[in-house]
N, C-alpha and C. Protein backbone atom coordinates (compact mmCIF):
# COMPACT_ATOMS: atom_id res chain seq x y z
N MET A 1 -31.43 32.64 -21.35
CA MET A 1 -31.87 33.92 -20.81
C MET A 1 -31.11 35.02 -21.54
N ASN A 2 -31.83 36.06 -21.86
CA ASN A 2 -31.23 37.20 -22.57
C ASN A 2 -31.38 38.46 -21.74
N GLU A 3 -30.47 39.39 -21.94
CA GLU A 3 -30.59 40.68 -21.26
C GLU A 3 -30.18 41.76 -22.24
N ALA A 4 -30.95 42.80 -22.28
CA ALA A 4 -30.59 43.98 -23.05
C ALA A 4 -31.07 45.17 -22.23
N SER A 5 -30.29 46.20 -22.16
CA SER A 5 -30.67 47.36 -21.37
C SER A 5 -30.66 48.60 -22.24
N THR A 6 -31.68 49.43 -22.06
CA THR A 6 -31.70 50.74 -22.67
C THR A 6 -31.16 51.70 -21.62
N PRO A 7 -30.96 52.96 -21.94
CA PRO A 7 -30.29 53.86 -21.01
C PRO A 7 -30.83 53.89 -19.58
N ASP A 8 -32.13 53.72 -19.39
CA ASP A 8 -32.63 53.79 -18.02
C ASP A 8 -33.43 52.57 -17.60
N THR A 9 -33.34 51.48 -18.35
CA THR A 9 -34.16 50.30 -18.07
C THR A 9 -33.33 49.02 -18.17
N ILE A 10 -33.46 48.18 -17.15
CA ILE A 10 -32.89 46.84 -17.18
C ILE A 10 -33.97 45.92 -17.74
N ARG A 11 -33.61 45.12 -18.71
CA ARG A 11 -34.55 44.14 -19.28
C ARG A 11 -33.91 42.76 -19.18
N VAL A 12 -34.64 41.84 -18.58
CA VAL A 12 -34.15 40.47 -18.42
C VAL A 12 -35.30 39.53 -18.72
N ASP A 13 -34.99 38.40 -19.37
CA ASP A 13 -36.03 37.39 -19.49
C ASP A 13 -35.49 36.07 -18.95
N GLN A 14 -36.42 35.23 -18.50
CA GLN A 14 -36.07 33.96 -17.86
C GLN A 14 -37.16 32.96 -18.20
N PHE A 15 -36.76 31.78 -18.66
CA PHE A 15 -37.73 30.70 -18.85
C PHE A 15 -37.95 30.01 -17.51
N VAL A 16 -39.21 29.69 -17.22
CA VAL A 16 -39.57 28.98 -16.00
C VAL A 16 -40.40 27.76 -16.41
N ALA A 17 -40.03 26.61 -15.88
CA ALA A 17 -40.72 25.36 -16.22
C ALA A 17 -41.98 25.19 -15.38
N ALA A 18 -42.88 26.15 -15.51
CA ALA A 18 -44.17 26.12 -14.81
C ALA A 18 -45.14 26.97 -15.61
N PRO A 19 -46.43 26.67 -15.52
CA PRO A 19 -47.41 27.46 -16.28
C PRO A 19 -47.53 28.89 -15.74
N PRO A 20 -48.00 29.82 -16.57
CA PRO A 20 -48.13 31.22 -16.15
C PRO A 20 -48.91 31.40 -14.85
N GLU A 21 -49.95 30.61 -14.63
CA GLU A 21 -50.75 30.76 -13.41
C GLU A 21 -49.90 30.51 -12.16
N LYS A 22 -49.01 29.54 -12.21
CA LYS A 22 -48.15 29.25 -11.06
C LYS A 22 -47.12 30.37 -10.86
N VAL A 23 -46.54 30.85 -11.95
CA VAL A 23 -45.57 31.95 -11.87
C VAL A 23 -46.27 33.20 -11.33
N TRP A 24 -47.49 33.46 -11.79
CA TRP A 24 -48.27 34.61 -11.31
C TRP A 24 -48.40 34.57 -9.79
N ARG A 25 -48.71 33.40 -9.26
CA ARG A 25 -48.85 33.26 -7.80
C ARG A 25 -47.53 33.58 -7.10
N LEU A 26 -46.40 33.16 -7.68
CA LEU A 26 -45.10 33.46 -7.08
C LEU A 26 -44.82 34.96 -7.04
N LEU A 27 -45.38 35.70 -7.98
CA LEU A 27 -45.19 37.16 -8.03
C LEU A 27 -46.16 37.91 -7.13
N THR A 28 -47.34 37.33 -6.87
CA THR A 28 -48.42 38.12 -6.27
C THR A 28 -48.91 37.63 -4.91
N GLU A 29 -48.35 36.54 -4.39
CA GLU A 29 -48.77 36.04 -3.08
C GLU A 29 -47.61 36.15 -2.10
N PRO A 30 -47.82 36.86 -0.98
CA PRO A 30 -46.73 37.14 -0.05
C PRO A 30 -45.97 35.91 0.41
N GLU A 31 -46.69 34.81 0.73
CA GLU A 31 -46.00 33.62 1.24
C GLU A 31 -45.13 32.96 0.18
N LEU A 32 -45.44 33.17 -1.09
CA LEU A 32 -44.62 32.62 -2.17
C LEU A 32 -43.51 33.59 -2.58
N LEU A 33 -43.80 34.89 -2.59
CA LEU A 33 -42.79 35.90 -2.93
C LEU A 33 -41.57 35.80 -2.01
N ARG A 34 -41.82 35.55 -0.72
CA ARG A 34 -40.71 35.49 0.24
C ARG A 34 -39.80 34.29 -0.02
N LEU A 35 -40.31 33.26 -0.71
CA LEU A 35 -39.49 32.07 -0.99
C LEU A 35 -38.33 32.36 -1.92
N TRP A 36 -38.51 33.34 -2.82
CA TRP A 36 -37.47 33.57 -3.82
C TRP A 36 -36.93 34.99 -3.83
N TRP A 37 -37.61 35.96 -3.15
CA TRP A 37 -37.12 37.32 -3.23
C TRP A 37 -37.16 38.08 -1.93
N ALA A 38 -38.34 38.47 -1.44
CA ALA A 38 -38.41 39.36 -0.28
C ALA A 38 -39.73 39.21 0.45
N GLU A 39 -39.70 39.60 1.74
CA GLU A 39 -40.92 39.68 2.54
C GLU A 39 -41.70 40.92 2.12
N GLY A 40 -43.01 40.78 2.05
CA GLY A 40 -43.84 41.93 1.75
C GLY A 40 -45.27 41.51 1.51
N GLN A 41 -46.19 42.37 1.85
CA GLN A 41 -47.62 42.08 1.71
C GLN A 41 -48.13 42.48 0.32
N VAL A 42 -47.49 41.95 -0.70
CA VAL A 42 -47.88 42.19 -2.08
C VAL A 42 -49.31 41.70 -2.31
N ALA A 43 -50.02 42.34 -3.21
CA ALA A 43 -51.35 41.90 -3.63
C ALA A 43 -51.60 42.42 -5.04
N ALA A 44 -52.26 41.61 -5.84
CA ALA A 44 -52.54 41.97 -7.24
C ALA A 44 -53.81 42.81 -7.31
N VAL A 45 -53.73 44.02 -6.73
CA VAL A 45 -54.87 44.94 -6.69
C VAL A 45 -54.32 46.33 -7.03
N VAL A 46 -54.83 46.92 -8.11
CA VAL A 46 -54.37 48.25 -8.51
C VAL A 46 -54.59 49.23 -7.36
N GLY A 47 -53.53 50.00 -7.05
CA GLY A 47 -53.58 50.97 -5.98
C GLY A 47 -53.08 50.44 -4.65
N HIS A 48 -52.92 49.12 -4.52
CA HIS A 48 -52.44 48.52 -3.26
C HIS A 48 -51.03 49.01 -2.96
N GLN A 49 -50.81 49.47 -1.73
CA GLN A 49 -49.49 49.92 -1.30
C GLN A 49 -48.94 48.92 -0.30
N PHE A 50 -47.65 48.60 -0.44
CA PHE A 50 -47.00 47.63 0.42
C PHE A 50 -45.51 47.96 0.48
N THR A 51 -44.81 47.26 1.35
CA THR A 51 -43.35 47.41 1.39
C THR A 51 -42.73 46.05 1.12
N LEU A 52 -41.55 46.07 0.51
CA LEU A 52 -40.73 44.87 0.37
C LEU A 52 -39.53 45.06 1.27
N ASP A 53 -39.29 44.11 2.15
CA ASP A 53 -38.17 44.18 3.09
C ASP A 53 -36.96 43.53 2.43
N MET A 54 -36.08 44.39 1.92
CA MET A 54 -34.92 43.92 1.17
C MET A 54 -33.72 43.76 2.11
N PRO A 55 -33.24 42.53 2.32
CA PRO A 55 -32.10 42.33 3.21
C PRO A 55 -30.93 43.23 2.81
N GLY A 56 -30.43 43.98 3.77
CA GLY A 56 -29.31 44.87 3.53
C GLY A 56 -29.71 46.26 3.04
N TYR A 57 -30.97 46.41 2.59
CA TYR A 57 -31.41 47.69 2.05
C TYR A 57 -32.65 48.24 2.75
N GLY A 58 -33.28 47.44 3.59
CA GLY A 58 -34.44 47.90 4.34
C GLY A 58 -35.74 47.79 3.57
N LYS A 59 -36.77 48.41 4.14
CA LYS A 59 -38.11 48.34 3.56
C LYS A 59 -38.26 49.35 2.43
N GLN A 60 -38.70 48.85 1.29
CA GLN A 60 -38.87 49.68 0.11
C GLN A 60 -40.35 49.83 -0.20
N PRO A 61 -40.83 51.08 -0.33
CA PRO A 61 -42.26 51.30 -0.61
C PRO A 61 -42.61 50.93 -2.05
N CYS A 62 -43.79 50.33 -2.19
CA CYS A 62 -44.26 49.89 -3.50
C CYS A 62 -45.75 50.22 -3.64
N LYS A 63 -46.17 50.41 -4.89
CA LYS A 63 -47.59 50.64 -5.17
C LYS A 63 -47.93 49.96 -6.49
N VAL A 64 -48.99 49.17 -6.48
CA VAL A 64 -49.42 48.43 -7.67
C VAL A 64 -50.05 49.40 -8.67
N LEU A 65 -49.55 49.34 -9.93
CA LEU A 65 -50.03 50.22 -10.98
C LEU A 65 -50.93 49.52 -12.00
N GLN A 66 -50.59 48.26 -12.36
CA GLN A 66 -51.35 47.52 -13.37
C GLN A 66 -51.42 46.05 -12.98
N VAL A 67 -52.58 45.45 -13.25
CA VAL A 67 -52.79 44.03 -12.98
C VAL A 67 -53.57 43.44 -14.14
N ASP A 68 -53.03 42.40 -14.76
CA ASP A 68 -53.72 41.65 -15.81
C ASP A 68 -53.35 40.18 -15.65
N PRO A 69 -54.02 39.47 -14.71
CA PRO A 69 -53.64 38.10 -14.41
C PRO A 69 -53.89 37.16 -15.58
N PRO A 70 -53.06 36.18 -15.83
CA PRO A 70 -51.71 35.99 -15.32
C PRO A 70 -50.66 36.49 -16.30
N HIS A 71 -50.85 37.68 -16.84
CA HIS A 71 -49.98 38.16 -17.92
C HIS A 71 -49.08 39.33 -17.55
N ARG A 72 -49.58 40.27 -16.76
CA ARG A 72 -48.83 41.52 -16.53
C ARG A 72 -49.09 42.03 -15.11
N PHE A 73 -47.99 42.37 -14.43
CA PHE A 73 -48.06 42.89 -13.06
C PHE A 73 -47.03 44.01 -12.98
N VAL A 74 -47.49 45.23 -12.65
CA VAL A 74 -46.61 46.40 -12.64
C VAL A 74 -46.76 47.12 -11.32
N TYR A 75 -45.62 47.45 -10.68
CA TYR A 75 -45.67 48.24 -9.46
C TYR A 75 -44.42 49.08 -9.31
N THR A 76 -44.57 50.17 -8.55
CA THR A 76 -43.40 50.98 -8.22
C THR A 76 -42.58 50.20 -7.21
N PHE A 77 -41.29 50.42 -7.25
CA PHE A 77 -40.35 49.78 -6.33
C PHE A 77 -39.38 50.89 -5.93
N THR A 78 -39.58 51.45 -4.77
CA THR A 78 -39.00 52.72 -4.33
C THR A 78 -39.71 53.81 -5.12
N PRO A 79 -39.64 55.06 -4.69
CA PRO A 79 -40.30 56.12 -5.46
C PRO A 79 -39.76 56.29 -6.87
N ALA A 80 -38.52 55.87 -7.12
CA ALA A 80 -37.89 56.14 -8.41
C ALA A 80 -38.16 55.07 -9.46
N TRP A 81 -38.32 53.83 -9.06
CA TRP A 81 -38.30 52.72 -10.01
C TRP A 81 -39.67 52.09 -10.22
N THR A 82 -39.81 51.43 -11.37
CA THR A 82 -41.00 50.65 -11.68
C THR A 82 -40.56 49.27 -12.15
N LEU A 83 -41.22 48.24 -11.62
CA LEU A 83 -41.00 46.86 -12.07
C LEU A 83 -42.20 46.43 -12.90
N THR A 84 -41.95 45.97 -14.11
CA THR A 84 -42.99 45.46 -14.99
C THR A 84 -42.69 43.99 -15.26
N TRP A 85 -43.57 43.13 -14.79
CA TRP A 85 -43.46 41.69 -15.00
C TRP A 85 -44.46 41.30 -16.08
N ARG A 86 -43.96 40.65 -17.14
CA ARG A 86 -44.84 40.17 -18.21
C ARG A 86 -44.61 38.67 -18.37
N LEU A 87 -45.68 37.90 -18.38
CA LEU A 87 -45.60 36.44 -18.47
C LEU A 87 -46.21 35.99 -19.79
N GLU A 88 -45.46 35.15 -20.52
CA GLU A 88 -45.97 34.60 -21.78
C GLU A 88 -45.79 33.09 -21.77
N PRO A 89 -46.85 32.35 -22.11
CA PRO A 89 -46.71 30.89 -22.20
C PRO A 89 -45.63 30.54 -23.23
N GLU A 90 -44.84 29.53 -22.91
CA GLU A 90 -43.81 29.04 -23.84
C GLU A 90 -43.72 27.53 -23.64
N GLY A 91 -44.26 26.78 -24.61
CA GLY A 91 -44.29 25.33 -24.47
C GLY A 91 -45.11 24.97 -23.23
N THR A 92 -44.52 24.15 -22.34
CA THR A 92 -45.22 23.78 -21.11
C THR A 92 -44.86 24.71 -19.95
N GLY A 93 -44.10 25.76 -20.25
CA GLY A 93 -43.66 26.68 -19.20
C GLY A 93 -44.06 28.11 -19.49
N THR A 94 -43.25 29.02 -18.94
CA THR A 94 -43.54 30.45 -19.04
C THR A 94 -42.25 31.21 -19.29
N ARG A 95 -42.29 32.19 -20.15
CA ARG A 95 -41.18 33.13 -20.33
C ARG A 95 -41.55 34.37 -19.53
N ILE A 96 -40.70 34.71 -18.57
CA ILE A 96 -40.88 35.91 -17.76
C ILE A 96 -40.05 37.02 -18.38
N PHE A 97 -40.67 38.15 -18.62
CA PHE A 97 -39.97 39.35 -19.08
C PHE A 97 -40.06 40.38 -17.97
N LEU A 98 -38.93 40.82 -17.47
CA LEU A 98 -38.88 41.83 -16.42
C LEU A 98 -38.26 43.10 -16.97
N GLU A 99 -38.91 44.22 -16.71
CA GLU A 99 -38.33 45.54 -16.99
C GLU A 99 -38.26 46.29 -15.67
N HIS A 100 -37.06 46.74 -15.34
CA HIS A 100 -36.82 47.54 -14.13
C HIS A 100 -36.42 48.91 -14.65
N SER A 101 -37.32 49.88 -14.56
CA SER A 101 -37.11 51.19 -15.18
C SER A 101 -37.05 52.30 -14.16
N GLY A 102 -36.57 53.46 -14.62
CA GLY A 102 -36.55 54.66 -13.80
C GLY A 102 -35.18 55.08 -13.31
N PHE A 103 -34.14 54.51 -13.86
CA PHE A 103 -32.78 54.87 -13.44
C PHE A 103 -32.34 56.19 -14.05
N ASP A 104 -31.77 57.07 -13.25
CA ASP A 104 -31.15 58.31 -13.73
C ASP A 104 -29.65 58.04 -13.78
N LEU A 105 -29.16 57.74 -14.96
CA LEU A 105 -27.76 57.35 -15.10
C LEU A 105 -26.79 58.52 -14.97
N ASN A 106 -27.31 59.74 -14.86
CA ASN A 106 -26.45 60.90 -14.58
C ASN A 106 -26.13 61.00 -13.09
N ASP A 107 -26.84 60.24 -12.29
CA ASP A 107 -26.63 60.19 -10.85
C ASP A 107 -25.74 58.97 -10.57
N LYS A 108 -24.56 59.18 -9.99
CA LYS A 108 -23.61 58.08 -9.80
C LYS A 108 -24.21 56.94 -8.98
N ARG A 109 -24.94 57.27 -7.93
CA ARG A 109 -25.54 56.23 -7.10
C ARG A 109 -26.52 55.38 -7.92
N MET A 110 -27.33 56.05 -8.75
CA MET A 110 -28.29 55.32 -9.59
C MET A 110 -27.57 54.51 -10.66
N ALA A 111 -26.51 55.07 -11.23
CA ALA A 111 -25.75 54.34 -12.25
C ALA A 111 -25.12 53.09 -11.65
N ASP A 112 -24.60 53.19 -10.43
CA ASP A 112 -24.03 52.03 -9.75
C ASP A 112 -25.11 50.98 -9.47
N ALA A 113 -26.27 51.43 -9.03
CA ALA A 113 -27.38 50.52 -8.77
C ALA A 113 -27.81 49.81 -10.05
N PHE A 114 -27.85 50.56 -11.15
CA PHE A 114 -28.21 49.99 -12.45
C PHE A 114 -27.30 48.82 -12.79
N GLU A 115 -25.99 49.01 -12.60
CA GLU A 115 -25.02 47.94 -12.91
C GLU A 115 -25.22 46.74 -11.99
N ARG A 116 -25.31 46.99 -10.68
CA ARG A 116 -25.47 45.89 -9.72
C ARG A 116 -26.78 45.15 -9.92
N MET A 117 -27.85 45.90 -10.11
CA MET A 117 -29.16 45.27 -10.19
C MET A 117 -29.36 44.48 -11.47
N GLY A 118 -28.79 44.92 -12.57
CA GLY A 118 -28.89 44.13 -13.79
C GLY A 118 -28.31 42.74 -13.59
N THR A 119 -27.14 42.68 -12.99
CA THR A 119 -26.49 41.41 -12.71
C THR A 119 -27.29 40.62 -11.68
N GLY A 120 -27.78 41.30 -10.65
CA GLY A 120 -28.55 40.63 -9.61
C GLY A 120 -29.82 39.99 -10.14
N TRP A 121 -30.58 40.73 -10.94
CA TRP A 121 -31.79 40.16 -11.53
C TRP A 121 -31.45 38.94 -12.39
N ARG A 122 -30.45 39.09 -13.27
CA ARG A 122 -30.11 38.04 -14.24
C ARG A 122 -29.51 36.81 -13.56
N ASP A 123 -28.57 37.02 -12.64
CA ASP A 123 -27.79 35.91 -12.12
C ASP A 123 -28.30 35.33 -10.80
N VAL A 124 -29.13 36.09 -10.08
CA VAL A 124 -29.55 35.64 -8.75
C VAL A 124 -31.07 35.55 -8.63
N VAL A 125 -31.76 36.67 -8.79
CA VAL A 125 -33.18 36.73 -8.43
C VAL A 125 -34.06 35.91 -9.37
N LEU A 126 -33.95 36.12 -10.67
CA LEU A 126 -34.82 35.36 -11.58
C LEU A 126 -34.50 33.87 -11.58
N PRO A 127 -33.24 33.45 -11.49
CA PRO A 127 -32.99 32.02 -11.33
C PRO A 127 -33.61 31.44 -10.04
N ARG A 128 -33.65 32.23 -8.96
CA ARG A 128 -34.30 31.77 -7.73
C ARG A 128 -35.81 31.64 -7.94
N LEU A 129 -36.40 32.55 -8.68
CA LEU A 129 -37.82 32.45 -9.00
C LEU A 129 -38.08 31.16 -9.82
N ALA A 130 -37.22 30.91 -10.80
CA ALA A 130 -37.37 29.71 -11.63
C ALA A 130 -37.26 28.45 -10.78
N ALA A 131 -36.32 28.43 -9.84
CA ALA A 131 -36.16 27.27 -8.96
C ALA A 131 -37.38 27.08 -8.05
N ALA A 132 -37.94 28.19 -7.55
CA ALA A 132 -39.12 28.10 -6.69
C ALA A 132 -40.34 27.59 -7.46
N ALA A 133 -40.39 27.87 -8.75
CA ALA A 133 -41.53 27.45 -9.56
C ALA A 133 -41.48 25.97 -9.90
N GLY A 134 -40.26 25.43 -9.86
CA GLY A 134 -40.16 24.16 -10.45
C GLY A 134 -39.82 22.92 -9.82
């Protein structure tokens, strides 16, 4: 797994030993999303609005911006941030590329979140997604 961050974007990739269609379902079906990340009525429909109930942080508003099954899923995550999930076949599995963008690093709270969330995505959340897939 590799991580590189630009000034306002966290970028993480993770190999998952499952085909893109299975990973897509883990990203876009509420009963599967809760297994590895959060409760929420996610749906792969442009314009769909939902909340993700983040333990310790409360309900975060989200809105689906782009859907291209099983390759690309983009939605807002809080009013400030955007999550872009890109899935590419790799051998018998899938390489997940996540971009978490919209950080204002001049704001101390956002800069702190940027640091915490980069580590969280890389070390906790994406490995849990990989485990749920496999």
